Amino acid sequence: IFPNAPIIHCTRDARDTVLSNYFTRYLEGLPWSYDLGDAADYYASYRSLMRHWATVLGPGTKSGRAVRMMEVRYEDLVCMPTDMADRLAEFVGLQPHEAMHRHHESAR
């Protein structure tokens, strides 16, 4: 749909992700999330799929087009919000702006 759009892939520590899914009772029901072993297997499949897309869509692929994909760790966003906001802005082609560092002050 958007062939030149940058892709931001946000990840989180596998243990936190698996436990969060395990303790969440989804309205639609996700059977894999109700068993820790199944949830861990599902997460491993997800990581394998993302490694595949990073290889397929990355620079120098056979397709001849370089899709920009940036993996961002949730923990980095929490620990270094200013630095990560600047990096994300630059990644998508924007100039970092001071207002991004004060997002918590904006009216909702």
Protein backbone atom coordinates (compact mmCIF):
# COMPACT_ATOMS: atom_id res chain seq x y z
CA ILE A 1 0.00 0.00 0.00
CA PHE A 2 2.77 2.43 0.98
CA PRO A 3 5.89 1.07 -0.76
CA ASN A 4 8.30 3.72 0.54
CA ALA A 5 6.88 4.06 4.04
CA PRO A 6 9.28 3.53 6.93
CA ILE A 7 8.33 0.65 9.20
CA ILE A 8 8.71 0.89 12.97
CA HIS A 9 8.70 -2.47 14.71
CA CYS A 10 8.32 -2.07 18.46
CA THR A 11 9.43 -5.04 20.54
CA ARG A 12 9.38 -5.83 24.23
CA ASP A 13 11.31 -8.26 26.39
CA ALA A 14 10.02 -11.75 25.56
CA ARG A 15 9.36 -12.62 29.21
CA ASP A 16 7.25 -9.51 29.74
CA THR A 17 5.38 -10.06 26.49
CA VAL A 18 4.58 -13.70 27.21
CA LEU A 19 3.49 -13.00 30.80
CA SER A 20 1.40 -10.01 29.76
CA ASN A 21 -0.46 -12.14 27.23
CA TYR A 22 -0.82 -14.99 29.71
CA PHE A 23 -2.50 -12.77 32.32
CA THR A 24 -4.74 -10.94 29.84
CA ARG A 25 -8.13 -12.50 29.21
CA TYR A 26 -8.92 -11.34 25.71
CA LEU A 27 -12.57 -10.78 24.84
CA GLU A 28 -12.23 -12.67 21.57
CA GLY A 29 -10.21 -15.42 23.20
CA LEU A 30 -6.68 -16.28 22.14
CA PRO A 31 -6.23 -19.90 23.21
CA TRP A 32 -2.44 -19.81 22.80
CA SER A 33 -2.24 -17.09 25.48
CA TYR A 34 -3.76 -19.24 28.24
CA ASP A 35 -0.79 -21.60 28.45
CA LEU A 36 2.76 -20.34 29.11
CA GLY A 37 4.31 -22.93 26.81
CA ASP A 38 1.94 -22.10 23.97
CA ALA A 39 2.47 -18.36 24.52
CA ALA A 40 6.25 -18.83 24.41
CA ASP A 41 5.93 -20.85 21.18
CA TYR A 42 3.71 -18.16 19.66
CA TYR A 43 6.25 -15.48 20.59
CA ALA A 44 9.08 -17.53 19.06
CA SER A 45 7.07 -17.84 15.83
CA TYR A 46 6.47 -14.08 15.81
CA ARG A 47 10.21 -13.38 16.23
CA SER A 48 11.01 -15.82 13.43
CA LEU A 49 8.50 -14.08 11.17
CA MET A 50 9.99 -10.66 11.95
CA ARG A 51 13.51 -11.94 11.19
CA HIS A 52 12.15 -13.13 7.86
CA TRP A 53 10.66 -9.71 7.04
CA ALA A 54 13.83 -7.92 8.12
CA THR A 55 15.75 -10.10 5.64
CA VAL A 56 13.21 -9.82 2.82
CA LEU A 57 12.56 -6.09 3.16
CA GLY A 58 16.01 -4.95 4.17
CA PRO A 59 18.52 -3.10 1.98
CA GLY A 60 20.21 -5.12 -0.73
CA THR A 61 17.40 -7.61 -1.20
CA LYS A 62 16.56 -9.22 -4.51
CA SER A 63 13.54 -6.95 -4.86
CA GLY A 64 15.91 -4.05 -5.46
CA ARG A 65 14.02 -1.74 -3.14
CA ALA A 66 15.18 -0.88 0.31
CA VAL A 67 12.36 -0.73 2.79
CA ARG A 68 13.42 1.10 5.86
CA MET A 69 12.61 -0.83 9.01
CA MET A 70 13.66 0.21 12.49
CA GLU A 71 13.30 -2.08 15.48
CA VAL A 72 12.65 -0.18 18.68
CA ARG A 73 12.69 -1.75 22.12
CA TYR A 74 9.83 -0.74 24.41
CA GLU A 75 12.27 -0.67 27.31
CA ASP A 76 14.38 1.94 25.48
CA LEU A 77 11.29 4.09 24.89
CA VAL A 78 10.54 4.01 28.61
CA CYS A 79 14.13 4.56 29.82
CA MET A 80 15.24 7.08 27.18
CA PRO A 81 12.09 8.76 25.85
CA THR A 82 13.82 11.93 24.63
CA ASP A 83 16.59 10.13 22.76
CA MET A 84 14.18 7.63 21.26
CA ALA A 85 11.70 10.33 20.18
CA ASP A 86 14.53 12.11 18.37
CA ARG A 87 15.72 8.89 16.71
CA LEU A 88 12.19 7.98 15.62
CA ALA A 89 11.55 11.45 14.21
CA GLU A 90 14.78 11.34 12.22
CA PHE A 91 14.01 7.81 11.01
CA VAL A 92 10.69 8.91 9.50
CA GLY A 93 12.24 12.04 7.99
CA LEU A 94 11.12 14.63 10.53
CA GLN A 95 13.14 17.12 12.49
CA PRO A 96 13.09 16.40 16.22
CA HIS A 97 11.08 19.06 18.03
CA GLU A 98 11.09 20.11 21.67
CA ALA A 99 7.31 19.58 21.91
CA MET A 100 7.87 15.84 21.38
CA HIS A 101 9.77 15.77 24.65
CA ARG A 102 6.80 17.29 26.49
CA HIS A 103 4.06 15.07 25.09
CA HIS A 104 2.78 14.43 28.61
CA GLU A 105 1.91 18.13 28.93
CA SER A 106 -0.42 18.20 25.92
CA ALA A 107 -4.18 18.40 26.32
CA ARG A 108 -5.94 15.17 25.47
